[in-house]
PDB file of all heavy atoms in Angstrom:
ATOM      1  N   SER A   1       0.830  -1.207   0.000  1.00  0.00           N
ATOM      2  CA  SER A   1       0.000   0.000   0.000  1.00  0.00           C
ATOM      3  C   SER A   1       0.863   1.255   0.000  1.00  0.00           C
ATOM      4  O   SER A   1       0.563   2.230  -0.698  1.00  0.00           O
ATOM      5  CB  SER A   1      -0.925  -0.001   1.220  1.00  0.00           C
ATOM      6  OG  SER A   1      -1.818  -1.090   1.175  1.00  0.00           O
ATOM      7  N   GLN A   2       1.940   1.237   0.788  1.00  0.00           N
ATOM      8  CA  GLN A   2       2.835   2.396   0.818  1.00  0.00           C
ATOM      9  C   GLN A   2       3.480   2.610  -0.542  1.00  0.00           C
ATOM     10  O   GLN A   2       3.562   3.738  -1.041  1.00  0.00           O
ATOM     11  CB  GLN A   2       3.910   2.203   1.880  1.00  0.00           C
ATOM     12  CG  GLN A   2       4.876   3.376   1.986  1.00  0.00           C
ATOM     13  CD  GLN A   2       5.864   3.223   3.128  1.00  0.00           C
ATOM     14  OE1 GLN A   2       5.537   2.672   4.175  1.00  0.00           O
ATOM     15  NE2 GLN A   2       7.084   3.702   2.926  1.00  0.00           N
ATOM     16  N   MET A   3       3.928   1.521  -1.169  1.00  0.00           N
ATOM     17  CA  MET A   3       4.548   1.636  -2.483  1.00  0.00           C
ATOM     18  C   MET A   3       3.529   2.106  -3.519  1.00  0.00           C
ATOM     19  O   MET A   3       3.841   2.949  -4.375  1.00  0.00           O
ATOM     20  CB  MET A   3       5.125   0.278  -2.887  1.00  0.00           C
ATOM     21  CG  MET A   3       6.093   0.334  -4.047  1.00  0.00           C
ATOM     22  SD  MET A   3       7.674   1.039  -3.519  1.00  0.00           S
ATOM     23  CE  MET A   3       8.520   1.159  -5.086  1.00  0.00           C
ATOM     24  N   ALA A   4       2.313   1.573  -3.437  1.00  0.00           N
ATOM     25  CA  ALA A   4       1.273   1.943  -4.399  1.00  0.00           C
ATOM     26  C   ALA A   4       0.908   3.417  -4.263  1.00  0.00           C
ATOM     27  O   ALA A   4       0.751   4.130  -5.274  1.00  0.00           O
ATOM     28  CB  ALA A   4       0.041   1.072  -4.196  1.00  0.00           C
ATOM     29  N   PHE A   5       0.756   3.877  -3.022  1.00  0.00           N
ATOM     30  CA  PHE A   5       0.415   5.285  -2.811  1.00  0.00           C
ATOM     31  C   PHE A   5       1.518   6.193  -3.328  1.00  0.00           C
ATOM     32  O   PHE A   5       1.256   7.205  -4.003  1.00  0.00           O
ATOM     33  CB  PHE A   5       0.169   5.549  -1.320  1.00  0.00           C
ATOM     34  CG  PHE A   5      -0.175   6.982  -1.007  1.00  0.00           C
ATOM     35  CD1 PHE A   5      -1.475   7.431  -1.148  1.00  0.00           C
ATOM     36  CD2 PHE A   5       0.808   7.866  -0.590  1.00  0.00           C
ATOM     37  CE1 PHE A   5      -1.791   8.766  -0.878  1.00  0.00           C
ATOM     38  CE2 PHE A   5       0.503   9.186  -0.317  1.00  0.00           C
ATOM     39  CZ  PHE A   5      -0.806   9.641  -0.456  1.00  0.00           C
ATOM     40  N   SER A   6       2.761   5.853  -3.031  1.00  0.00           N
ATOM     41  CA  SER A   6       3.893   6.671  -3.465  1.00  0.00           C
ATOM     42  C   SER A   6       3.990   6.715  -4.987  1.00  0.00           C
ATOM     43  O   SER A   6       4.215   7.779  -5.585  1.00  0.00           O
ATOM     44  CB  SER A   6       5.193   6.122  -2.876  1.00  0.00           C
ATOM     45  OG  SER A   6       5.145   6.112  -1.463  1.00  0.00           O
ATOM     46  N   LEU A   7       3.823   5.569  -5.618  1.00  0.00           N
ATOM     47  CA  LEU A   7       3.888   5.514  -7.076  1.00  0.00           C
ATOM     48  C   LEU A   7       2.718   6.264  -7.702  1.00  0.00           C
ATOM     49  O   LEU A   7       2.896   7.040  -8.642  1.00  0.00           O
ATOM     50  CB  LEU A   7       3.886   4.055  -7.546  1.00  0.00           C
ATOM     51  CG  LEU A   7       3.850   3.819  -9.057  1.00  0.00           C
ATOM     52  CD1 LEU A   7       5.093   4.398  -9.717  1.00  0.00           C
ATOM     53  CD2 LEU A   7       3.726   2.334  -9.375  1.00  0.00           C
ATOM     54  N   GLY A   8       1.504   6.042  -7.178  1.00  0.00           N
ATOM     55  CA  GLY A   8       0.333   6.710  -7.725  1.00  0.00           C
ATOM     56  C   GLY A   8       0.419   8.218  -7.606  1.00  0.00           C
ATOM     57  O   GLY A   8      -0.042   8.952  -8.490  1.00  0.00           O
ATOM     58  N   PHE A   9       0.997   8.700  -6.515  1.00  0.00           N
ATOM     59  CA  PHE A   9       1.173  10.139  -6.319  1.00  0.00           C
ATOM     60  C   PHE A   9       2.229  10.686  -7.280  1.00  0.00           C
ATOM     61  O   PHE A   9       2.012  11.697  -7.960  1.00  0.00           O
ATOM     62  CB  PHE A   9       1.593  10.398  -4.866  1.00  0.00           C
ATOM     63  CG  PHE A   9       1.671  11.848  -4.491  1.00  0.00           C
ATOM     64  CD1 PHE A   9       0.584  12.483  -3.932  1.00  0.00           C
ATOM     65  CD2 PHE A   9       2.844  12.561  -4.687  1.00  0.00           C
ATOM     66  CE1 PHE A   9       0.652  13.830  -3.572  1.00  0.00           C
ATOM     67  CE2 PHE A   9       2.928  13.898  -4.338  1.00  0.00           C
ATOM     68  CZ  PHE A   9       1.828  14.534  -3.777  1.00  0.00           C
ATOM     69  N   HIS A  10       3.356  10.012  -7.345  1.00  0.00           N
ATOM     70  CA  HIS A  10       4.482  10.498  -8.155  1.00  0.00           C
ATOM     71  C   HIS A  10       4.154  10.515  -9.634  1.00  0.00           C
ATOM     72  O   HIS A  10       4.572  11.439 -10.355  1.00  0.00           O
ATOM     73  CB  HIS A  10       5.707   9.613  -7.906  1.00  0.00           C
ATOM     74  CG  HIS A  10       6.836   9.889  -8.840  1.00  0.00           C
ATOM     75  ND1 HIS A  10       7.599  11.038  -8.782  1.00  0.00           N
ATOM     76  CD2 HIS A  10       7.335   9.159  -9.886  1.00  0.00           C
ATOM     77  CE1 HIS A  10       8.519  11.013  -9.737  1.00  0.00           C
ATOM     78  NE2 HIS A  10       8.382   9.891 -10.409  1.00  0.00           N
ATOM     79  N   ILE A  11       3.410   9.534 -10.103  1.00  0.00           N
ATOM     80  CA  ILE A  11       3.202   9.392 -11.543  1.00  0.00           C
ATOM     81  C   ILE A  11       2.440  10.573 -12.122  1.00  0.00           C
ATOM     82  O   ILE A  11       2.622  10.930 -13.293  1.00  0.00           O
ATOM     83  CB  ILE A  11       2.471   8.054 -11.854  1.00  0.00           C
ATOM     84  CG1 ILE A  11       2.721   7.642 -13.303  1.00  0.00           C
ATOM     85  CG2 ILE A  11       0.972   8.161 -11.575  1.00  0.00           C
ATOM     86  CD1 ILE A  11       4.152   7.276 -13.584  1.00  0.00           C
ATOM     87  N   ILE A  12       1.607  11.233 -11.324  1.00  0.00           N
ATOM     88  CA  ILE A  12       0.893  12.410 -11.812  1.00  0.00           C
ATOM     89  C   ILE A  12       1.880  13.531 -12.118  1.00  0.00           C
ATOM     90  O   ILE A  12       1.867  14.130 -13.205  1.00  0.00           O
ATOM     91  CB  ILE A  12      -0.153  12.868 -10.786  1.00  0.00           C
ATOM     92  CG1 ILE A  12      -1.219  11.796 -10.597  1.00  0.00           C
ATOM     93  CG2 ILE A  12      -0.789  14.189 -11.227  1.00  0.00           C
ATOM     94  CD1 ILE A  12      -2.209  12.100  -9.485  1.00  0.00           C
ATOM     95  N   PHE A  13       2.764  13.819 -11.167  1.00  0.00           N
ATOM     96  CA  PHE A  13       3.730  14.895 -11.351  1.00  0.00           C
ATOM     97  C   PHE A  13       4.742  14.541 -12.441  1.00  0.00           C
ATOM     98  O   PHE A  13       5.140  15.408 -13.238  1.00  0.00           O
ATOM     99  CB  PHE A  13       4.445  15.175 -10.029  1.00  0.00           C
ATOM    100  CG  PHE A  13       3.541  15.740  -8.979  1.00  0.00           C
ATOM    101  CD1 PHE A  13       2.893  14.908  -8.089  1.00  0.00           C
ATOM    102  CD2 PHE A  13       3.324  17.099  -8.887  1.00  0.00           C
ATOM    103  CE1 PHE A  13       2.045  15.420  -7.118  1.00  0.00           C
ATOM    104  CE2 PHE A  13       2.485  17.622  -7.925  1.00  0.00           C
ATOM    105  CZ  PHE A  13       1.834  16.777  -7.038  1.00  0.00           C
ATOM    106  N   ALA A  14       5.158  13.278 -12.478  1.00  0.00           N
ATOM    107  CA  ALA A  14       6.120  12.859 -13.497  1.00  0.00           C
ATOM    108  C   ALA A  14       5.526  12.987 -14.896  1.00  0.00           C
ATOM    109  O   ALA A  14       6.208  13.429 -15.828  1.00  0.00           O
ATOM    110  CB  ALA A  14       6.551  11.417 -13.231  1.00  0.00           C
ATOM    111  N   SER A  15       4.271  12.614 -15.050  1.00  0.00           N
ATOM    112  CA  SER A  15       3.623  12.679 -16.371  1.00  0.00           C
ATOM    113  C   SER A  15       3.508  14.109 -16.863  1.00  0.00           C
ATOM    114  O   SER A  15       3.833  14.426 -18.020  1.00  0.00           O
ATOM    115  CB  SER A  15       2.239  12.037 -16.303  1.00  0.00           C
ATOM    116  OG  SER A  15       2.331  10.669 -15.982  1.00  0.00           O
ATOM    117  N   ILE A  16       3.041  15.002 -15.997  1.00  0.00           N
ATOM    118  CA  ILE A  16       2.906  16.397 -16.391  1.00  0.00           C
ATOM    119  C   ILE A  16       4.268  17.003 -16.697  1.00  0.00           C
ATOM    120  O   ILE A  16       4.428  17.773 -17.655  1.00  0.00           O
ATOM    121  CB  ILE A  16       2.182  17.205 -15.304  1.00  0.00           C
ATOM    122  CG1 ILE A  16       0.788  16.622 -15.038  1.00  0.00           C
ATOM    123  CG2 ILE A  16       2.046  18.665 -15.719  1.00  0.00           C
ATOM    124  CD1 ILE A  16       0.056  17.254 -13.871  1.00  0.00           C
ATOM    125  N   SER A  17       5.269  16.633 -15.901  1.00  0.00           N
ATOM    126  CA  SER A  17       6.620  17.175 -16.107  1.00  0.00           C
ATOM    127  C   SER A  17       7.230  16.708 -17.414  1.00  0.00           C
ATOM    128  O   SER A  17       8.115  17.376 -17.966  1.00  0.00           O
ATOM    129  CB  SER A  17       7.526  16.770 -14.935  1.00  0.00           C
ATOM    130  OG  SER A  17       7.083  17.353 -13.734  1.00  0.00           O
ATOM    131  N   MET A  18       6.793  15.573 -17.942  1.00  0.00           N
ATOM    132  CA  MET A  18       7.291  15.100 -19.228  1.00  0.00           C
ATOM    133  C   MET A  18       6.650  15.852 -20.380  1.00  0.00           C
ATOM    134  O   MET A  18       7.254  16.005 -21.450  1.00  0.00           O
ATOM    135  CB  MET A  18       7.026  13.593 -19.383  1.00  0.00           C
ATOM    136  CG  MET A  18       7.926  12.714 -18.563  1.00  0.00           C
ATOM    137  SD  MET A  18       7.782  10.965 -18.994  1.00  0.00           S
ATOM    138  CE  MET A  18       6.148  10.571 -18.363  1.00  0.00           C
ATOM    139  N   VAL A  19       5.424  16.324 -20.190  1.00  0.00           N
ATOM    140  CA  VAL A  19       4.650  16.900 -21.292  1.00  0.00           C
ATOM    141  C   VAL A  19       4.742  18.420 -21.338  1.00  0.00           C
ATOM    142  O   VAL A  19       4.903  19.016 -22.410  1.00  0.00           O
ATOM    143  CB  VAL A  19       3.167  16.463 -21.176  1.00  0.00           C
ATOM    144  CG1 VAL A  19       2.327  17.112 -22.274  1.00  0.00           C
ATOM    145  CG2 VAL A  19       3.062  14.948 -21.231  1.00  0.00           C
ATOM    146  N   MET A  20       4.642  19.073 -20.186  1.00  0.00           N
ATOM    147  CA  MET A  20       4.563  20.532 -20.158  1.00  0.00           C
ATOM    148  C   MET A  20       5.754  21.234 -20.811  1.00  0.00           C
ATOM    149  O   MET A  20       5.576  22.272 -21.454  1.00  0.00           O
ATOM    150  CB  MET A  20       4.353  21.011 -18.724  1.00  0.00           C
ATOM    151  CG  MET A  20       3.880  22.444 -18.636  1.00  0.00           C
ATOM    152  SD  MET A  20       3.298  22.910 -16.993  1.00  0.00           S
ATOM    153  CE  MET A  20       1.688  22.127 -16.989  1.00  0.00           C
ATOM    154  N   PRO A  21       6.991  20.707 -20.694  1.00  0.00           N
ATOM    155  CA  PRO A  21       8.099  21.380 -21.389  1.00  0.00           C
ATOM    156  C   PRO A  21       7.908  21.460 -22.903  1.00  0.00           C
ATOM    157  O   PRO A  21       8.365  22.424 -23.534  1.00  0.00           O
ATOM    158  CB  PRO A  21       9.311  20.516 -21.025  1.00  0.00           C
ATOM    159  CG  PRO A  21       8.968  19.934 -19.700  1.00  0.00           C
ATOM    160  CD  PRO A  21       7.489  19.647 -19.786  1.00  0.00           C
ATOM    161  N   PHE A  22       7.252  20.460 -23.502  1.00  0.00           N
ATOM    162  CA  PHE A  22       7.017  20.522 -24.944  1.00  0.00           C
ATOM    163  C   PHE A  22       5.990  21.600 -25.286  1.00  0.00           C
ATOM    164  O   PHE A  22       6.088  22.244 -26.339  1.00  0.00           O
ATOM    165  CB  PHE A  22       6.567  19.157 -25.462  1.00  0.00           C
ATOM    166  CG  PHE A  22       7.662  18.132 -25.499  1.00  0.00           C
ATOM    167  CD1 PHE A  22       7.708  17.115 -24.568  1.00  0.00           C
ATOM    168  CD2 PHE A  22       8.661  18.202 -26.452  1.00  0.00           C
ATOM    169  CE1 PHE A  22       8.720  16.168 -24.589  1.00  0.00           C
ATOM    170  CE2 PHE A  22       9.687  17.260 -26.490  1.00  0.00           C
ATOM    171  CZ  PHE A  22       9.711  16.250 -25.548  1.00  0.00           C
ATOM    172  N   LEU A  23       5.009  21.803 -24.404  1.00  0.00           N
ATOM    173  CA  LEU A  23       4.063  22.900 -24.595  1.00  0.00           C
ATOM    174  C   LEU A  23       4.799  24.235 -24.485  1.00  0.00           C
ATOM    175  O   LEU A  23       4.582  25.157 -25.285  1.00  0.00           O
ATOM    176  CB  LEU A  23       2.948  22.820 -23.556  1.00  0.00           C
ATOM    177  CG  LEU A  23       2.035  21.596 -23.627  1.00  0.00           C
ATOM    178  CD1 LEU A  23       1.121  21.539 -22.409  1.00  0.00           C
ATOM    179  CD2 LEU A  23       1.204  21.612 -24.900  1.00  0.00           C
ATOM    180  N   MET A  24       5.650  24.331 -23.490  1.00  0.00           N
ATOM    181  CA  MET A  24       6.468  25.526 -23.288  1.00  0.00           C
ATOM    182  C   MET A  24       7.330  25.796 -24.520  1.00  0.00           C
ATOM    183  O   MET A  24       7.421  26.935 -24.998  1.00  0.00           O
ATOM    184  CB  MET A  24       7.332  25.290 -22.054  1.00  0.00           C
ATOM    185  CG  MET A  24       8.258  26.391 -21.650  1.00  0.00           C
ATOM    186  SD  MET A  24       9.119  25.928 -20.095  1.00  0.00           S
ATOM    187  CE  MET A  24      10.264  24.656 -20.711  1.00  0.00           C
ATOM    188  N   PHE A  25       7.936  24.753 -25.043  1.00  0.00           N
ATOM    189  CA  PHE A  25       8.784  24.886 -26.232  1.00  0.00           C
ATOM    190  C   PHE A  25       7.982  25.356 -27.436  1.00  0.00           C
ATOM    191  O   PHE A  25       8.403  26.269 -28.165  1.00  0.00           O
ATOM    192  CB  PHE A  25       9.447  23.540 -26.530  1.00  0.00           C
ATOM    193  CG  PHE A  25      10.020  23.431 -27.914  1.00  0.00           C
ATOM    194  CD1 PHE A  25      11.228  24.039 -28.237  1.00  0.00           C
ATOM    195  CD2 PHE A  25       9.343  22.729 -28.906  1.00  0.00           C
ATOM    196  CE1 PHE A  25      11.755  23.943 -29.515  1.00  0.00           C
ATOM    197  CE2 PHE A  25       9.855  22.632 -30.183  1.00  0.00           C
ATOM    198  CZ  PHE A  25      11.069  23.239 -30.488  1.00  0.00           C
ATOM    199  N   ALA A  26       6.820  24.744 -27.668  1.00  0.00           N
ATOM    200  CA  ALA A  26       6.013  25.086 -28.844  1.00  0.00           C
ATOM    201  C   ALA A  26       5.545  26.537 -28.784  1.00  0.00           C
ATOM    202  O   ALA A  26       5.596  27.264 -29.792  1.00  0.00           O
ATOM    203  CB  ALA A  26       4.812  24.143 -28.942  1.00  0.00           C
ATOM    204  N   ALA A  27       5.074  26.975 -27.608  1.00  0.00           N
ATOM    205  CA  ALA A  27       4.610  28.352 -27.476  1.00  0.00           C
ATOM    206  C   ALA A  27       5.762  29.344 -27.661  1.00  0.00           C
ATOM    207  O   ALA A  27       5.608  30.384 -28.325  1.00  0.00           O
ATOM    208  CB  ALA A  27       3.941  28.552 -26.114  1.00  0.00           C
ATOM    209  N   TYR A  28       6.918  29.024 -27.093  1.00  0.00           N
ATOM    210  CA  TYR A  28       8.064  29.929 -27.203  1.00  0.00           C
ATOM    211  C   TYR A  28       8.585  29.993 -28.640  1.00  0.00           C
ATOM    212  O   TYR A  28       8.955  31.058 -29.135  1.00  0.00           O
ATOM    213  CB  TYR A  28       9.161  29.460 -26.250  1.00  0.00           C
ATOM    214  CG  TYR A  28      10.302  30.437 -26.079  1.00  0.00           C
ATOM    215  CD1 TYR A  28      10.064  31.795 -25.956  1.00  0.00           C
ATOM    216  CD2 TYR A  28      11.622  29.994 -26.021  1.00  0.00           C
ATOM    217  CE1 TYR A  28      11.107  32.703 -25.783  1.00  0.00           C
ATOM    218  CE2 TYR A  28      12.673  30.882 -25.848  1.00  0.00           C
ATOM    219  CZ  TYR A  28      12.409  32.234 -25.730  1.00  0.00           C
ATOM    220  OH  TYR A  28      13.443  33.118 -25.557  1.00  0.00           O
ATOM    221  N   ARG A  29       8.590  28.858 -29.305  1.00  0.00           N
ATOM    222  CA  ARG A  29       9.018  28.839 -30.715  1.00  0.00           C
ATOM    223  C   ARG A  29       8.121  29.737 -31.557  1.00  0.00           C
ATOM    224  O   ARG A  29       8.596  30.531 -32.383  1.00  0.00           O
ATOM    225  CB  ARG A  29       8.969  27.404 -31.247  1.00  0.00           C
ATOM    226  CG  ARG A  29       9.375  27.251 -32.712  1.00  0.00           C
ATOM    227  CD  ARG A  29       8.905  25.932 -33.261  1.00  0.00           C
ATOM    228  NE  ARG A  29       7.460  25.794 -33.143  1.00  0.00           N
ATOM    229  CZ  ARG A  29       6.790  24.659 -33.320  1.00  0.00           C
ATOM    230  NH1 ARG A  29       7.451  23.543 -33.585  1.00  0.00           N
ATOM    231  NH2 ARG A  29       5.471  24.615 -33.211  1.00  0.00           N
ATOM    232  N   ASN A  30       6.817  29.639 -31.346  1.00  0.00           N
ATOM    233  CA  ASN A  30       5.889  30.471 -32.113  1.00  0.00           C
ATOM    234  C   ASN A  30       6.038  31.947 -31.765  1.00  0.00           C
ATOM    235  O   ASN A  30       5.874  32.820 -32.621  1.00  0.00           O
ATOM    236  CB  ASN A  30       4.445  30.017 -31.873  1.00  0.00           C
ATOM    237  CG  ASN A  30       4.151  28.693 -32.552  1.00  0.00           C
ATOM    238  OD1 ASN A  30       4.892  28.260 -33.443  1.00  0.00           O
ATOM    239  ND2 ASN A  30       3.087  28.022 -32.137  1.00  0.00           N
ATOM    240  N   TYR A  31       6.340  32.218 -30.496  1.00  0.00           N
ATOM    241  CA  TYR A  31       6.548  33.619 -30.112  1.00  0.00           C
ATOM    242  C   TYR A  31       7.777  34.187 -30.819  1.00  0.00           C
ATOM    243  O   TYR A  31       7.749  35.315 -31.334  1.00  0.00           O
ATOM    244  CB  TYR A  31       6.718  33.739 -28.602  1.00  0.00           C
ATOM    245  CG  TYR A  31       7.223  35.089 -28.177  1.00  0.00           C
ATOM    246  CD1 TYR A  31       6.408  36.215 -28.240  1.00  0.00           C
ATOM    247  CD2 TYR A  31       8.546  35.243 -27.736  1.00  0.00           C
ATOM    248  CE1 TYR A  31       6.887  37.460 -27.882  1.00  0.00           C
ATOM    249  CE2 TYR A  31       9.023  36.488 -27.375  1.00  0.00           C
ATOM    250  CZ  TYR A  31       8.202  37.594 -27.450  1.00  0.00           C
ATOM    251  OH  TYR A  31       8.673  38.826 -27.101  1.00  0.00           O
ATOM    252  N   LEU A  32       8.863  33.418 -30.832  1.00  0.00           N
ATOM    253  CA  LEU A  32      10.069  33.898 -31.496  1.00  0.00           C
ATOM    254  C   LEU A  32       9.853  34.075 -32.995  1.00  0.00           C
ATOM    255  O   LEU A  32      10.456  34.957 -33.621  1.00  0.00           O
ATOM    256  CB  LEU A  32      11.218  32.918 -31.251  1.00  0.00           C
ATOM    257  CG  LEU A  32      11.721  32.814 -29.798  1.00  0.00           C
ATOM    258  CD1 LEU A  32      12.790  31.737 -29.687  1.00  0.00           C
ATOM    259  CD2 LEU A  32      12.245  34.160 -29.301  1.00  0.00           C
ATOM    260  N   ARG A  33       8.973  33.261 -33.565  1.00  0.00           N
ATOM    261  CA  ARG A  33       8.722  33.337 -35.008  1.00  0.00           C
ATOM    262  C   ARG A  33       7.741  34.453 -35.361  1.00  0.00           C
ATOM    263  O   ARG A  33       7.953  35.206 -36.309  1.00  0.00           O
ATOM    264  CB  ARG A  33       8.176  31.995 -35.499  1.00  0.00           C
ATOM    265  CG  ARG A  33       7.987  31.905 -37.010  1.00  0.00           C
ATOM    266  CD  ARG A  33       7.290  30.605 -37.373  1.00  0.00           C
ATOM    267  NE  ARG A  33       5.950  30.537 -36.782  1.00  0.00           N
ATOM    268  CZ  ARG A  33       5.214  29.426 -36.722  1.00  0.00           C
ATOM    269  NH1 ARG A  33       5.716  28.279 -37.193  1.00  0.00           N
ATOM    270  NH2 ARG A  33       4.015  29.452 -36.195  1.00  0.00           N
TER     271      ARG A  33
END
């Protein structure tokens, strides 16, 4: 249960952290262009 809770909590932040930089990159690229 402790491992499951820790993994379930972490995976939300890890998933968003993998995706949001690409959104940041795309918006910044368009701004520079």
